[in-house]
Protein backbone atom coordinates (compact mmCIF):
# COMPACT_ATOMS: atom_id res chain seq x y z
CA UNK A 1 80.20 122.31 101.14
CA UNK A 2 83.79 124.01 100.50
CA UNK A 3 87.02 122.98 99.94
CA UNK A 4 90.32 125.11 100.45
CA UNK A 5 93.37 125.13 98.13
CA UNK A 6 96.75 127.06 97.53
CA UNK A 7 96.57 128.93 94.55
CA UNK A 8 99.51 127.94 91.88
CA UNK A 9 101.14 129.63 89.10
CA UNK A 10 99.07 130.74 86.00
CA UNK A 11 100.30 129.09 83.12
CA UNK A 12 99.27 130.64 79.68
CA UNK A 13 99.42 128.99 76.49
CA UNK A 14 99.29 132.01 74.35
CA UNK A 15 99.28 130.15 70.71
CA UNK A 16 95.61 128.65 71.91
CA UNK A 17 94.72 131.65 73.79
CA UNK A 18 94.22 129.44 77.11
CA UNK A 19 95.28 130.69 80.59
CA UNK A 20 94.90 128.10 83.69
CA UNK A 21 95.51 128.44 87.37
CA UNK A 22 95.66 125.05 89.35
CA UNK A 23 95.89 124.26 93.07
CA UNK A 24 99.68 123.54 93.82
CA UNK A 25 98.75 120.64 95.72
CA UNK A 26 95.79 118.87 94.38
CA UNK A 27 95.70 120.17 90.79
CA UNK A 28 92.34 120.92 90.60
CA UNK A 29 91.61 123.96 88.14
CA UNK A 30 91.08 127.29 89.75
CA UNK A 31 90.23 128.79 86.90
CA UNK A 32 90.40 128.61 82.92
CA UNK A 33 90.18 131.76 80.66
CA UNK A 34 89.93 132.09 77.47
CA UNK A 35 90.76 135.95 76.97
CA UNK A 36 89.29 136.43 73.46
CA UNK A 37 85.95 135.53 75.14
CA UNK A 38 86.46 137.64 78.15
CA UNK A 39 85.14 141.35 78.32
CA UNK A 40 86.86 143.80 79.87
CA UNK A 41 85.91 147.55 80.92
CA UNK A 42 87.54 150.03 78.78
CA UNK A 43 89.55 151.78 81.85
CA UNK A 44 90.59 148.19 82.47
CA UNK A 45 94.61 147.67 81.77
CA UNK A 46 93.51 144.23 80.29
CA UNK A 47 95.31 142.16 82.70
CA UNK A 48 93.83 138.91 83.71
CA UNK A 49 92.41 138.17 86.63
CA UNK A 50 94.11 135.69 88.71
CA UNK A 51 94.63 134.48 92.35
CA UNK A 52 97.67 135.52 94.51
CA UNK A 53 100.25 132.49 94.24
CA UNK A 54 100.42 130.78 97.43
CA UNK A 55 97.25 132.14 98.68
CA UNK A 56 94.71 130.10 100.51
CA UNK A 57 91.36 130.21 99.11
CA UNK A 58 88.04 128.48 100.37
CA UNK A 59 85.81 127.23 97.09
CA UNK A 60 82.12 126.89 98.18
CA UNK A 61 79.95 124.79 95.65
CA UNK A 62 76.99 126.67 94.33
CA UNK A 63 75.64 128.84 91.71
CA UNK A 64 77.67 131.19 91.42
CA UNK A 65 81.11 129.66 93.24
CA UNK A 66 82.61 131.26 95.74
CA UNK A 67 86.24 132.00 96.32
CA UNK A 68 87.06 133.41 99.52
CA UNK A 69 90.49 134.49 100.70
CA UNK A 70 91.98 133.02 103.85
CA UNK A 71 95.23 134.39 103.75
CA UNK A 72 98.72 133.68 102.35
CA UNK A 73 99.95 129.97 102.94
CA UNK A 74 102.99 131.42 104.85
CA UNK A 75 100.80 133.51 107.18
CA UNK A 76 98.30 130.87 108.39
CA UNK A 77 98.99 129.21 111.54
CA UNK A 78 97.58 125.79 109.87
CA UNK A 79 95.62 124.75 107.23
CA UNK A 80 91.94 124.69 107.11
CA UNK A 81 89.57 121.63 108.15
CA UNK A 82 88.51 121.53 104.47
CA UNK A 83 91.84 121.34 102.93
CA UNK A 84 91.67 119.49 99.61
CA UNK A 85 94.30 116.80 100.62
CA UNK A 86 94.44 115.07 103.79
CA UNK A 87 97.86 115.56 104.81
CA UNK A 88 99.75 112.88 107.60
CA UNK A 89 101.76 115.87 108.92
CA UNK A 90 98.57 117.42 110.21
CA UNK A 91 97.64 116.69 113.77
CA UNK A 92 94.15 115.34 114.45
């Protein structure tokens, strides 16, 4: 089973060392990072991974969970059938 989401902004609470990114429509957590508990390669610039804001991602259930980039919200001709919120505006 899968659900598609639109990535919202990354919210960082530096004092708590938490960085969260949610779906802009339904609020589902896409990622919840604690950087002090993350491992980085020595060549890495130590920036935190994040989804492109406004990007549409299909999240598939399983272990591991998969995130598939479907495109930028503005570039898609329509929302996927598995979009997280049923919208009244969508034609049947």
